Amino acid sequence: MTSPLYQIRSQIKTICEVEGFSLVGFAEAKIPESDLANFEVWIRDNRYGNMDWFAKDHALAIRNRFENLGLTPRSAICLGFIYRSKAGEEILTKMESKVSRYALGSDYHLILKEKGNRILKTLRVMFPNHKFRQSVDSLPVAEKILSRESGIAWQGKNTNLIHPKLGSYFFLSTILTDLELGGPDPKEIITDHCGSCRKCLDVCPTGALEAYQIDAKKCISYLTIEDRREREATETFLSWDRKGWVYGCDLCQEVCPWNANVAKRNEVETSEPGFLPRAFWTDPEFINKTSLTKEEFDSYFKDSPMERIGFEIWNRNLQQGKAKK
């Protein structure tokens, strides 16, 4: 006989899958002690660079203890949405100034929040006595850890979550709730399959990666997106070979055998048109530009993940990338 909890979880899973989420899992709203210890070391060693928000007390209170959220969560609904596309793969092979796959289309924050709002509306009708709150990088919530704990994927040596059939090109979103949903089914937990492979560690040109650890301030994604300083950033950029990346970096994902298997099968494709590459990525007029005016930047990157860095940082990255060559 099917248990009421299983029926509820099955209903929630169906609701999320209707919105296009390929991965749906459940976890206790709790960060394991081992991860809390890793956070402490990461902060102590200043591996977060100039992302000072990460170490602020209010952020730690939410990330570590789920305080000040407007609810006391008992469970996390952990979601994964594929953004990989065949078109994106083809474009990346031709790019000289490279952009991470996730940024070729529209801003995932906007799209996943819209999908999440519809899920929340349904859940609040189904469970009127309970609270729900979604995060899409919008809260200092450890979404990777919760998703790993839900069993939908394992956290690889490059710190990204990996699924054996889908690879790692998927966005995460988490819905916290005071509804008791239980943890993962032990039979469905995806365990670590990295084994002795260290391709992701060896390919990183800046030495940002150790096994299951990342020094954010050395990461090309951090350098091109989060580090907005001019003089310091310039010195850093010119001392490291960024391999052509001007916004983000996919190197440690590209060499992952699990993503290579996905690319070989070429079956995994996003279901969201908004995540497909925008047309200008193949337009010679755009490709040949060595800088953009504010008006051009705003026009090209409206509602794009890159909108947040602004035209000045885009030009800095583009010009310094060309200078390195």
C-alpha atoms as a PDB file:
ATOM      1  CA  MET A   1       0.000   0.000   0.000  1.00  0.00           C
ATOM      2  CA  THR A   2       1.361   3.424  -0.986  1.00  0.00           C
ATOM      3  CA  SER A   3       2.149   5.651   1.995  1.00  0.00           C
ATOM      4  CA  PRO A   4       0.641   9.168   2.234  1.00  0.00           C
ATOM      5  CA  LEU A   5       4.158  10.685   2.288  1.00  0.00           C
ATOM      6  CA  TYR A   6       5.095   8.869  -0.916  1.00  0.00           C
ATOM      7  CA  GLN A   7       1.884  10.104  -2.565  1.00  0.00           C
ATOM      8  CA  ILE A   8       2.650  13.695  -1.556  1.00  0.00           C
ATOM      9  CA  ARG A   9       6.216  13.453  -2.863  1.00  0.00           C
ATOM     10  CA  SER A  10       4.977  11.907  -6.092  1.00  0.00           C
ATOM     11  CA  GLN A  11       2.477  14.745  -6.551  1.00  0.00           C
ATOM     12  CA  ILE A  12       5.162  17.376  -5.928  1.00  0.00           C
ATOM     13  CA  LYS A  13       7.541  15.662  -8.318  1.00  0.00           C
ATOM     14  CA  THR A  14       4.919  15.674 -11.068  1.00  0.00           C
ATOM     15  CA  ILE A  15       4.174  19.378 -10.504  1.00  0.00           C
ATOM     16  CA  CYS A  16       7.884  20.224 -10.845  1.00  0.00           C
ATOM     17  CA  GLU A  17       8.392  18.009 -13.882  1.00  0.00           C
ATOM     18  CA  VAL A  18       5.497  19.725 -15.649  1.00  0.00           C
ATOM     19  CA  GLU A  19       7.500  22.955 -15.352  1.00  0.00           C
ATOM     20  CA  GLY A  20      10.440  21.262 -17.068  1.00  0.00           C
ATOM     21  CA  PHE A  21      12.656  20.252 -14.148  1.00  0.00           C
ATOM     22  CA  SER A  22      14.473  17.038 -15.036  1.00  0.00           C
ATOM     23  CA  LEU A  23      15.702  16.384 -11.499  1.00  0.00           C
ATOM     24  CA  VAL A  24      13.493  16.464  -8.389  1.00  0.00           C
ATOM     25  CA  GLY A  25      14.655  15.282  -4.988  1.00  0.00           C
ATOM     26  CA  PHE A  26      13.913  15.721  -1.279  1.00  0.00           C
ATOM     27  CA  ALA A  27      16.239  16.405   1.621  1.00  0.00           C
ATOM     28  CA  GLU A  28      16.105  17.404   5.238  1.00  0.00           C
ATOM     29  CA  ALA A  29      16.654  21.165   5.600  1.00  0.00           C
ATOM     30  CA  LYS A  30      19.932  20.713   7.397  1.00  0.00           C
ATOM     31  CA  ILE A  31      23.588  21.196   6.478  1.00  0.00           C
ATOM     32  CA  PRO A  32      25.800  18.243   7.516  1.00  0.00           C
ATOM     33  CA  GLU A  33      28.433  18.962  10.156  1.00  0.00           C
ATOM     34  CA  SER A  34      31.250  18.059   7.750  1.00  0.00           C
ATOM     35  CA  ASP A  35      30.080  20.729   5.319  1.00  0.00           C
ATOM     36  CA  LEU A  36      29.771  23.309   8.087  1.00  0.00           C
ATOM     37  CA  ALA A  37      33.387  22.569   9.000  1.00  0.00           C
ATOM     38  CA  ASN A  38      34.424  22.976   5.352  1.00  0.00           C
ATOM     39  CA  PHE A  39      32.625  26.330   5.233  1.00  0.00           C
ATOM     40  CA  GLU A  40      34.600  27.510   8.263  1.00  0.00           C
ATOM     41  CA  VAL A  41      37.917  26.595   6.673  1.00  0.00           C
ATOM     42  CA  TRP A  42      36.895  28.129   3.324  1.00  0.00           C
ATOM     43  CA  ILE A  43      36.028  31.419   5.024  1.00  0.00           C
ATOM     44  CA  ARG A  44      39.078  31.344   7.297  1.00  0.00           C
ATOM     45  CA  ASP A  45      41.351  30.950   4.272  1.00  0.00           C
ATOM     46  CA  ASN A  46      39.537  33.743   2.395  1.00  0.00           C
ATOM     47  CA  ARG A  47      38.776  31.496  -0.554  1.00  0.00           C
ATOM     48  CA  TYR A  48      35.740  33.603  -1.364  1.00  0.00           C
ATOM     49  CA  GLY A  49      37.859  36.501  -2.653  1.00  0.00           C
ATOM     50  CA  ASN A  50      36.064  39.840  -2.498  1.00  0.00           C
ATOM     51  CA  MET A  51      32.589  38.247  -2.291  1.00  0.00           C
ATOM     52  CA  ASP A  52      32.307  39.655   1.234  1.00  0.00           C
ATOM     53  CA  TRP A  53      28.578  38.908   1.413  1.00  0.00           C
ATOM     54  CA  PHE A  54      29.456  35.218   1.742  1.00  0.00           C
ATOM     55  CA  ALA A  55      31.021  35.639   5.180  1.00  0.00           C
ATOM     56  CA  LYS A  56      28.551  38.125   6.673  1.00  0.00           C
ATOM     57  CA  ASP A  57      26.779  36.970   9.828  1.00  0.00           C
ATOM     58  CA  HIS A  58      23.267  37.195   8.364  1.00  0.00           C
ATOM     59  CA  ALA A  59      24.318  35.134   5.354  1.00  0.00           C
ATOM     60  CA  LEU A  60      25.893  32.502   7.579  1.00  0.00           C
ATOM     61  CA  ALA A  61      22.751  32.404   9.734  1.00  0.00           C
ATOM     62  CA  ILE A  62      20.673  31.538   6.672  1.00  0.00           C
ATOM     63  CA  ARG A  63      23.189  29.227   4.996  1.00  0.00           C
ATOM     64  CA  ASN A  64      24.140  27.262   8.089  1.00  0.00           C
ATOM     65  CA  ARG A  65      20.988  27.366  10.226  1.00  0.00           C
ATOM     66  CA  PHE A  66      18.193  28.528   7.865  1.00  0.00           C
ATOM     67  CA  GLU A  67      17.323  31.466  10.117  1.00  0.00           C
ATOM     68  CA  ASN A  68      15.396  34.628   9.169  1.00  0.00           C
ATOM     69  CA  LEU A  69      13.620  33.063   6.207  1.00  0.00           C
ATOM     70  CA  GLY A  70      10.065  33.729   7.373  1.00  0.00           C
ATOM     71  CA  LEU A  71       9.656  30.024   8.103  1.00  0.00           C
ATOM     72  CA  THR A  72      11.438  27.249   9.926  1.00  0.00           C
ATOM     73  CA  PRO A  73      12.091  24.802   7.095  1.00  0.00           C
ATOM     74  CA  ARG A  74      11.977  21.088   7.706  1.00  0.00           C
ATOM     75  CA  SER A  75      12.467  19.952   4.127  1.00  0.00           C
ATOM     76  CA  ALA A  76      14.052  21.041   0.859  1.00  0.00           C
ATOM     77  CA  ILE A  77      12.664  20.257  -2.572  1.00  0.00           C
ATOM     78  CA  CYS A  78      15.775  20.167  -4.772  1.00  0.00           C
ATOM     79  CA  LEU A  79      15.391  20.820  -8.476  1.00  0.00           C
ATOM     80  CA  GLY A  80      17.641  20.592 -11.531  1.00  0.00           C
ATOM     81  CA  PHE A  81      16.886  22.148 -14.936  1.00  0.00           C
ATOM     82  CA  ILE A  82      18.932  21.249 -18.042  1.00  0.00           C
ATOM     83  CA  TYR A  83      20.448  24.163 -19.961  1.00  0.00           C
ATOM     84  CA  ARG A  84      22.698  22.236 -22.345  1.00  0.00           C
ATOM     85  CA  SER A  85      21.803  22.530 -26.032  1.00  0.00           C
ATOM     86  CA  LYS A  86      23.275  21.196 -29.261  1.00  0.00           C
ATOM     87  CA  ALA A  87      23.300  24.725 -30.651  1.00  0.00           C
ATOM     88  CA  GLY A  88      25.285  25.932 -27.645  1.00  0.00           C
ATOM     89  CA  GLU A  89      27.854  23.165 -28.060  1.00  0.00           C
ATOM     90  CA  GLU A  90      28.368  24.075 -31.714  1.00  0.00           C
ATOM     91  CA  ILE A  91      28.757  27.777 -30.973  1.00  0.00           C
ATOM     92  CA  LEU A  92      31.310  27.168 -28.211  1.00  0.00           C
ATOM     93  CA  THR A  93      33.569  25.196 -30.559  1.00  0.00           C
ATOM     94  CA  LYS A  94      33.835  28.255 -32.838  1.00  0.00           C
ATOM     95  CA  MET A  95      34.154  30.990 -30.208  1.00  0.00           C
ATOM     96  CA  GLU A  96      37.476  32.757 -29.721  1.00  0.00           C
ATOM     97  CA  SER A  97      36.175  34.893 -26.849  1.00  0.00           C
ATOM     98  CA  LYS A  98      34.290  32.258 -24.904  1.00  0.00           C
ATOM     99  CA  VAL A  99      31.229  32.537 -22.697  1.00  0.00           C
ATOM    100  CA  SER A 100      29.923  29.835 -20.355  1.00  0.00           C
ATOM    101  CA  ARG A 101      27.123  27.772 -21.844  1.00  0.00           C
ATOM    102  CA  TYR A 102      24.644  28.878 -19.185  1.00  0.00           C
ATOM    103  CA  ALA A 103      25.024  32.515 -20.282  1.00  0.00           C
ATOM    104  CA  LEU A 104      24.348  32.050 -24.013  1.00  0.00           C
ATOM    105  CA  GLY A 105      20.614  32.519 -23.522  1.00  0.00           C
ATOM    106  CA  SER A 106      18.353  34.390 -21.128  1.00  0.00           C
ATOM    107  CA  ASP A 107      18.889  34.855 -17.413  1.00  0.00           C
ATOM    108  CA  TYR A 108      18.089  31.637 -15.583  1.00  0.00           C
ATOM    109  CA  HIS A 109      17.119  33.563 -12.454  1.00  0.00           C
ATOM    110  CA  LEU A 110      14.177  35.125 -14.273  1.00  0.00           C
ATOM    111  CA  ILE A 111      13.060  31.947 -16.028  1.00  0.00           C
ATOM    112  CA  LEU A 112      13.364  29.575 -13.069  1.00  0.00           C
ATOM    113  CA  LYS A 113      11.701  32.028 -10.696  1.00  0.00           C
ATOM    114  CA  GLU A 114       8.756  32.266 -13.070  1.00  0.00           C
ATOM    115  CA  LYS A 115       8.494  28.476 -13.169  1.00  0.00           C
ATOM    116  CA  GLY A 116       8.998  28.341  -9.401  1.00  0.00           C
ATOM    117  CA  ASN A 117       6.233  30.865  -8.774  1.00  0.00           C
ATOM    118  CA  ARG A 118       3.785  28.605 -10.572  1.00  0.00           C
ATOM    119  CA  ILE A 119       4.953  25.643  -8.492  1.00  0.00           C
ATOM    120  CA  LEU A 120       4.640  27.656  -5.269  1.00  0.00           C
ATOM    121  CA  LYS A 121       1.139  28.783  -6.190  1.00  0.00           C
ATOM    122  CA  THR A 122       0.065  25.166  -6.663  1.00  0.00           C
ATOM    123  CA  LEU A 123       1.751  23.968  -3.478  1.00  0.00           C
ATOM    124  CA  ARG A 124       0.166  26.724  -1.387  1.00  0.00           C
ATOM    125  CA  VAL A 125      -3.256  25.663  -2.621  1.00  0.00           C
ATOM    126  CA  MET A 126      -2.527  21.996  -1.916  1.00  0.00           C
ATOM    127  CA  PHE A 127      -1.004  22.685   1.517  1.00  0.00           C
ATOM    128  CA  PRO A 128      -2.591  25.932   2.813  1.00  0.00           C
ATOM    129  CA  ASN A 129      -1.273  25.417   6.337  1.00  0.00           C
ATOM    130  CA  HIS A 130       2.359  25.286   5.252  1.00  0.00           C
ATOM    131  CA  LYS A 131       4.927  27.745   3.937  1.00  0.00           C
ATOM    132  CA  PHE A 132       7.163  27.504   0.882  1.00  0.00           C
ATOM    133  CA  ARG A 133      10.047  29.673  -0.311  1.00  0.00           C
ATOM    134  CA  GLN A 134      12.097  29.268  -3.479  1.00  0.00           C
ATOM    135  CA  SER A 135      15.764  30.094  -4.023  1.00  0.00           C
ATOM    136  CA  VAL A 136      17.520  30.494  -7.369  1.00  0.00           C
ATOM    137  CA  ASP A 137      20.831  31.918  -6.152  1.00  0.00           C
ATOM    138  CA  SER A 138      18.577  34.525  -4.527  1.00  0.00           C
ATOM    139  CA  LEU A 139      19.226  33.405  -0.954  1.00  0.00           C
ATOM    140  CA  PRO A 140      22.527  32.450   0.697  1.00  0.00           C
ATOM    141  CA  VAL A 141      21.327  28.848   0.743  1.00  0.00           C
ATOM    142  CA  ALA A 142      23.752  25.988   0.085  1.00  0.00           C
ATOM    143  CA  GLU A 143      21.794  24.631  -2.874  1.00  0.00           C
ATOM    144  CA  LYS A 144      24.577  22.308  -4.035  1.00  0.00           C
ATOM    145  CA  ILE A 145      24.826  20.643  -0.650  1.00  0.00           C
ATOM    146  CA  LEU A 146      21.078  20.238  -0.231  1.00  0.00           C
ATOM    147  CA  SER A 147      20.804  18.860  -3.773  1.00  0.00           C
ATOM    148  CA  ARG A 148      23.634  16.429  -3.130  1.00  0.00           C
ATOM    149  CA  GLU A 149      21.938  15.354   0.103  1.00  0.00           C
ATOM    150  CA  SER A 150      18.689  14.805  -1.809  1.00  0.00           C
ATOM    151  CA  GLY A 151      20.485  12.213  -3.925  1.00  0.00           C
ATOM    152  CA  ILE A 152      19.674  13.718  -7.340  1.00  0.00           C
ATOM    153  CA  ALA A 153      23.389  14.002  -8.228  1.00  0.00           C
ATOM    154  CA  TRP A 154      26.829  13.708  -6.710  1.00  0.00           C
ATOM    155  CA  GLN A 155      29.221  16.593  -6.111  1.00  0.00           C
ATOM    156  CA  GLY A 156      32.263  16.066  -8.301  1.00  0.00           C
ATOM    157  CA  LYS A 157      35.899  16.929  -7.729  1.00  0.00           C
ATOM    158  CA  ASN A 158      35.306  20.207  -9.588  1.00  0.00           C
ATOM    159  CA  THR A 159      32.587  20.952  -6.927  1.00  0.00           C
ATOM    160  CA  ASN A 160      29.819  20.857  -9.573  1.00  0.00           C
ATOM    161  CA  LEU A 161      26.917  18.449  -9.274  1.00  0.00           C
ATOM    162  CA  ILE A 162      26.995  15.595 -11.788  1.00  0.00           C
ATOM    163  CA  HIS A 163      24.297  13.214 -12.972  1.00  0.00           C
ATOM    164  CA  PRO A 164      25.415  10.034 -14.774  1.00  0.00           C
ATOM    165  CA  LYS A 165      22.919  10.460 -17.636  1.00  0.00           C
ATOM    166  CA  LEU A 166      22.566  14.250 -17.754  1.00  0.00           C
ATOM    167  CA  GLY A 167      26.104  15.425 -16.984  1.00  0.00           C
ATOM    168  CA  SER A 168      26.517  18.711 -15.093  1.00  0.00           C
ATOM    169  CA  TYR A 169      25.019  21.340 -17.365  1.00  0.00           C
ATOM    170  CA  PHE A 170      21.928  21.993 -15.271  1.00  0.00           C
ATOM    171  CA  PHE A 171      20.724  24.829 -13.061  1.00  0.00           C
ATOM    172  CA  LEU A 172      19.752  24.325  -9.436  1.00  0.00           C
ATOM    173  CA  SER A 173      16.762  25.675  -7.574  1.00  0.00           C
ATOM    174  CA  THR A 174      15.594  24.894  -4.054  1.00  0.00           C
ATOM    175  CA  ILE A 175      12.184  25.201  -2.422  1.00  0.00           C
ATOM    176  CA  LEU A 176      12.324  25.284   1.373  1.00  0.00           C
ATOM    177  CA  THR A 177       9.207  24.324   3.293  1.00  0.00           C
ATOM    178  CA  ASP A 178       7.983  23.583   6.806  1.00  0.00           C
ATOM    179  CA  LEU A 179       6.148  20.590   5.354  1.00  0.00           C
ATOM    180  CA  GLU A 180       7.724  17.288   6.383  1.00  0.00           C
ATOM    181  CA  LEU A 181       8.724  15.464   3.191  1.00  0.00           C
ATOM    182  CA  GLY A 182      11.454  13.138   4.425  1.00  0.00           C
ATOM    183  CA  GLY A 183      14.852  12.491   2.908  1.00  0.00           C
ATOM    184  CA  PRO A 184      15.954  10.676  -0.227  1.00  0.00           C
ATOM    185  CA  ASP A 185      15.019   7.118  -1.017  1.00  0.00           C
ATOM    186  CA  PRO A 186      18.223   5.149  -0.271  1.00  0.00           C
ATOM    187  CA  LYS A 187      17.678   3.097  -3.428  1.00  0.00           C
ATOM    188  CA  GLU A 188      17.636   6.240  -5.603  1.00  0.00           C
ATOM    189  CA  ILE A 189      20.637   8.133  -4.214  1.00  0.00           C
ATOM    190  CA  ILE A 190      23.279   8.828  -6.856  1.00  0.00           C
ATOM    191  CA  THR A 191      26.674   8.187  -5.321  1.00  0.00           C
ATOM    192  CA  ASP A 192      30.084   9.597  -6.239  1.00  0.00           C
ATOM    193  CA  HIS A 193      31.366   8.257  -9.564  1.00  0.00           C
ATOM    194  CA  CYS A 194      34.506  10.401  -9.937  1.00  0.00           C
ATOM    195  CA  GLY A 195      36.794   7.532  -8.930  1.00  0.00           C
ATOM    196  CA  SER A 196      40.480   8.195  -9.622  1.00  0.00           C
ATOM    197  CA  CYS A 197      39.760  10.663 -12.457  1.00  0.00           C
ATOM    198  CA  ARG A 198      41.357  14.077 -12.040  1.00  0.00           C
ATOM    199  CA  LYS A 199      40.866  15.620 -15.485  1.00  0.00           C
ATOM    200  CA  CYS A 200      38.963  18.601 -14.091  1.00  0.00           C
ATOM    201  CA  LEU A 201      41.751  19.334 -11.595  1.00  0.00           C
ATOM    202  CA  ASP A 202      44.501  19.123 -14.191  1.00  0.00           C
ATOM    203  CA  VAL A 203      42.799  21.263 -16.831  1.00  0.00           C
ATOM    204  CA  CYS A 204      42.301  24.339 -14.614  1.00  0.00           C
ATOM    205  CA  PRO A 205      44.939  26.855 -15.793  1.00  0.00           C
ATOM    206  CA  THR A 206      44.861  28.928 -12.603  1.00  0.00           C
ATOM    207  CA  GLY A 207      45.117  26.117 -10.046  1.00  0.00           C
ATOM    208  CA  ALA A 208      41.751  26.989  -8.523  1.00  0.00           C
ATOM    209  CA  LEU A 209      40.778  23.369  -7.925  1.00  0.00           C
ATOM    210  CA  GLU A 210      41.766  20.704  -5.466  1.00  0.00           C
ATOM    211  CA  ALA A 211      39.707  17.532  -5.155  1.00  0.00           C
ATOM    212  CA  TYR A 212      36.200  18.606  -4.041  1.00  0.00           C
ATOM    213  CA  GLN A 213      37.462  22.098  -3.178  1.00  0.00           C
ATOM    214  CA  ILE A 214      37.679  25.395  -5.020  1.00  0.00           C
ATOM    215  CA  ASP A 215      39.550  28.606  -4.314  1.00  0.00           C
ATOM    216  CA  ALA A 216      37.035  31.039  -5.788  1.00  0.00           C
ATOM    217  CA  LYS A 217      39.459  33.926  -6.074  1.00  0.00           C
ATOM    218  CA  LYS A 218      41.575  31.899  -8.528  1.00  0.00           C
ATOM    219  CA  CYS A 219      38.596  30.686 -10.574  1.00  0.00           C
ATOM    220  CA  ILE A 220      38.196  32.165 -14.058  1.00  0.00           C
ATOM    221  CA  SER A 221      34.444  32.464 -13.492  1.00  0.00           C
ATOM    222  CA  TYR A 222      35.120  34.555 -10.395  1.00  0.00           C
ATOM    223  CA  LEU A 223      37.748  36.667 -12.154  1.00  0.00           C
ATOM    224  CA  THR A 224      35.477  37.473 -15.089  1.00  0.00           C
ATOM    225  CA  ILE A 225      32.206  37.937 -13.194  1.00  0.00           C
ATOM    226  CA  GLU A 226      32.633  38.671  -9.491  1.00  0.00           C
ATOM    227  CA  ASP A 227      35.958  40.550  -9.438  1.00  0.00           C
ATOM    228  CA  ARG A 228      35.070  44.070 -10.544  1.00  0.00           C
ATOM    229  CA  ARG A 229      38.342  45.713  -9.479  1.00  0.00           C
ATOM    230  CA  GLU A 230      40.419  47.351 -12.170  1.00  0.00           C
ATOM    231  CA  ARG A 231      44.101  47.421 -11.199  1.00  0.00           C
ATOM    232  CA  GLU A 232      44.165  44.194  -9.176  1.00  0.00           C
ATOM    233  CA  ALA A 233      42.010  42.379 -11.678  1.00  0.00           C
ATOM    234  CA  THR A 234      44.191  43.531 -14.564  1.00  0.00           C
ATOM    235  CA  GLU A 235      47.320  42.160 -12.925  1.00  0.00           C
ATOM    236  CA  THR A 236      45.602  38.860 -12.184  1.00  0.00           C
ATOM    237  CA  PHE A 237      44.133  38.529 -15.649  1.00  0.00           C
ATOM    238  CA  LEU A 238      47.442  39.108 -17.382  1.00  0.00           C
ATOM    239  CA  SER A 239      49.356  36.701 -15.147  1.00  0.00           C
ATOM    240  CA  TRP A 240      47.049  33.746 -15.882  1.00  0.00           C
ATOM    241  CA  ASP A 241      46.059  32.220 -19.184  1.00  0.00           C
ATOM    242  CA  ARG A 242      42.262  32.268 -19.287  1.00  0.00           C
ATOM    243  CA  LYS A 243      42.146  30.147 -22.453  1.00  0.00           C
ATOM    244  CA  GLY A 244      39.918  32.681 -24.184  1.00  0.00           C
ATOM    245  CA  TRP A 245      37.167  32.816 -21.553  1.00  0.00           C
ATOM    246  CA  VAL A 246      35.693  36.293 -21.134  1.00  0.00           C
ATOM    247  CA  TYR A 247      32.596  35.416 -19.081  1.00  0.00           C
ATOM    248  CA  GLY A 248      32.656  32.393 -16.821  1.00  0.00           C
ATOM    249  CA  CYS A 249      34.501  29.184 -17.658  1.00  0.00           C
ATOM    250  CA  ASP A 250      33.444  25.630 -18.540  1.00  0.00           C
ATOM    251  CA  LEU A 251      36.878  23.995 -18.747  1.00  0.00           C
ATOM    252  CA  CYS A 252      36.432  21.701 -15.755  1.00  0.00           C
ATOM    253  CA  GLN A 253      33.040  20.616 -17.076  1.00  0.00           C
ATOM    254  CA  GLU A 254      34.160  20.184 -20.674  1.00  0.00           C
ATOM    255  CA  VAL A 255      36.808  17.587 -19.769  1.00  0.00           C
ATOM    256  CA  CYS A 256      34.522  15.660 -17.412  1.00  0.00           C
ATOM    257  CA  PRO A 257      33.974  12.159 -18.873  1.00  0.00           C
ATOM    258  CA  TRP A 258      30.328  12.271 -17.838  1.00  0.00           C
ATOM    259  CA  ASN A 259      29.746  15.390 -19.934  1.00  0.00           C
ATOM    260  CA  ALA A 260      31.788  13.842 -22.738  1.00  0.00           C
ATOM    261  CA  ASN A 261      29.391  10.886 -22.692  1.00  0.00           C
ATOM    262  CA  VAL A 262      26.430  13.259 -22.867  1.00  0.00           C
ATOM    263  CA  ALA A 263      28.005  15.098 -25.797  1.00  0.00           C
ATOM    264  CA  LYS A 264      28.721  11.811 -27.580  1.00  0.00           C
ATOM    265  CA  ARG A 265      25.099  10.683 -27.252  1.00  0.00           C
ATOM    266  CA  ASN A 266      23.894  14.223 -28.005  1.00  0.00           C
ATOM    267  CA  GLU A 267      20.522  13.387 -26.491  1.00  0.00           C
ATOM    268  CA  VAL A 268      20.389  15.810 -23.567  1.00  0.00           C
ATOM    269  CA  GLU A 269      18.712  19.033 -24.691  1.00  0.00           C
ATOM    270  CA  THR A 270      17.116  21.862 -22.729  1.00  0.00           C
ATOM    271  CA  SER A 271      13.337  22.049 -22.892  1.00  0.00           C
ATOM    272  CA  GLU A 272      13.391  25.823 -22.350  1.00  0.00           C
ATOM    273  CA  PRO A 273      13.662  27.984 -25.519  1.00  0.00           C
ATOM    274  CA  GLY A 274      14.959  30.858 -23.402  1.00  0.00           C
ATOM    275  CA  PHE A 275      18.145  28.916 -22.647  1.00  0.00           C
ATOM    276  CA  LEU A 276      19.028  28.484 -26.316  1.00  0.00           C
ATOM    277  CA  PRO A 277      21.836  30.731 -27.637  1.00  0.00           C
ATOM    278  CA  ARG A 278      20.801  34.165 -28.802  1.00  0.00           C
ATOM    279  CA  ALA A 279      21.215  34.888 -32.515  1.00  0.00           C
ATOM    280  CA  PHE A 280      23.967  37.497 -32.173  1.00  0.00           C
ATOM    281  CA  TRP A 281      26.544  34.889 -31.046  1.00  0.00           C
ATOM    282  CA  THR A 282      26.944  33.916 -34.698  1.00  0.00           C
ATOM    283  CA  ASP A 283      26.639  37.449 -36.097  1.00  0.00           C
ATOM    284  CA  PRO A 284      30.024  38.646 -37.521  1.00  0.00           C
ATOM    285  CA  GLU A 285      29.138  42.243 -36.645  1.00  0.00           C
ATOM    286  CA  PHE A 286      28.982  41.297 -32.944  1.00  0.00           C
ATOM    287  CA  ILE A 287      31.836  38.798 -33.001  1.00  0.00           C
ATOM    288  CA  ASN A 288      34.295  41.295 -34.474  1.00  0.00           C
ATOM    289  CA  LYS A 289      33.599  44.042 -31.953  1.00  0.00           C
ATOM    290  CA  THR A 290      36.504  44.735 -29.605  1.00  0.00           C
ATOM    291  CA  SER A 291      34.283  46.696 -27.213  1.00  0.00           C
ATOM    292  CA  LEU A 292      30.655  47.681 -26.706  1.00  0.00           C
ATOM    293  CA  THR A 293      29.032  50.975 -25.850  1.00  0.00           C
ATOM    294  CA  LYS A 294      26.593  50.951 -22.942  1.00  0.00           C
ATOM    295  CA  GLU A 295      23.723  51.145 -25.403  1.00  0.00           C
ATOM    296  CA  GLU A 296      25.053  48.191 -27.412  1.00  0.00           C
ATOM    297  CA  PHE A 297      25.685  46.139 -24.294  1.00  0.00           C
ATOM    298  CA  ASP A 298      22.192  46.828 -22.957  1.00  0.00           C
ATOM    299  CA  SER A 299      20.663  45.867 -26.286  1.00  0.00           C
ATOM    300  CA  TYR A 300      22.590  42.610 -26.709  1.00  0.00           C
ATOM    301  CA  PHE A 301      22.436  41.420 -23.104  1.00  0.00           C
ATOM    302  CA  LYS A 302      19.021  42.559 -21.872  1.00  0.00           C
ATOM    303  CA  ASP A 303      17.631  39.870 -19.522  1.00  0.00           C
ATOM    304  CA  SER A 304      20.876  37.914 -19.884  1.00  0.00           C
ATOM    305  CA  PRO A 305      23.070  36.642 -17.018  1.00  0.00           C
ATOM    306  CA  MET A 306      25.785  38.979 -18.334  1.00  0.00           C
ATOM    307  CA  GLU A 307      23.624  42.017 -17.739  1.00  0.00           C
ATOM    308  CA  ARG A 308      24.824  42.093 -14.129  1.00  0.00           C
ATOM    309  CA  ILE A 309      28.498  42.810 -14.955  1.00  0.00           C
ATOM    310  CA  GLY A 310      27.815  45.874 -17.100  1.00  0.00           C
ATOM    311  CA  PHE A 311      29.533  47.040 -20.277  1.00  0.00           C
ATOM    312  CA  GLU A 312      32.727  48.251 -18.598  1.00  0.00           C
ATOM    313  CA  ILE A 313      33.600  44.843 -17.132  1.00  0.00           C
ATOM    314  CA  TRP A 314      32.600  43.129 -20.391  1.00  0.00           C
ATOM    315  CA  ASN A 315      35.007  45.408 -22.282  1.00  0.00           C
ATOM    316  CA  ARG A 316      37.718  44.820 -19.680  1.00  0.00           C
ATOM    317  CA  ASN A 317      37.375  41.043 -20.012  1.00  0.00           C
ATOM    318  CA  LEU A 318      37.223  41.147 -23.792  1.00  0.00           C
ATOM    319  CA  GLN A 319      40.239  43.423 -24.196  1.00  0.00           C
ATOM    320  CA  GLN A 320      42.386  41.684 -21.622  1.00  0.00           C
ATOM    321  CA  GLY A 321      41.519  38.334 -23.126  1.00  0.00           C
ATOM    322  CA  LYS A 322      42.752  39.540 -26.506  1.00  0.00           C
ATOM    323  CA  ALA A 323      45.841  41.089 -24.878  1.00  0.00           C
ATOM    324  CA  LYS A 324      46.772  37.700 -23.399  1.00  0.00           C
ATOM    325  CA  LYS A 325      46.719  36.137 -26.844  1.00  0.00           C
END
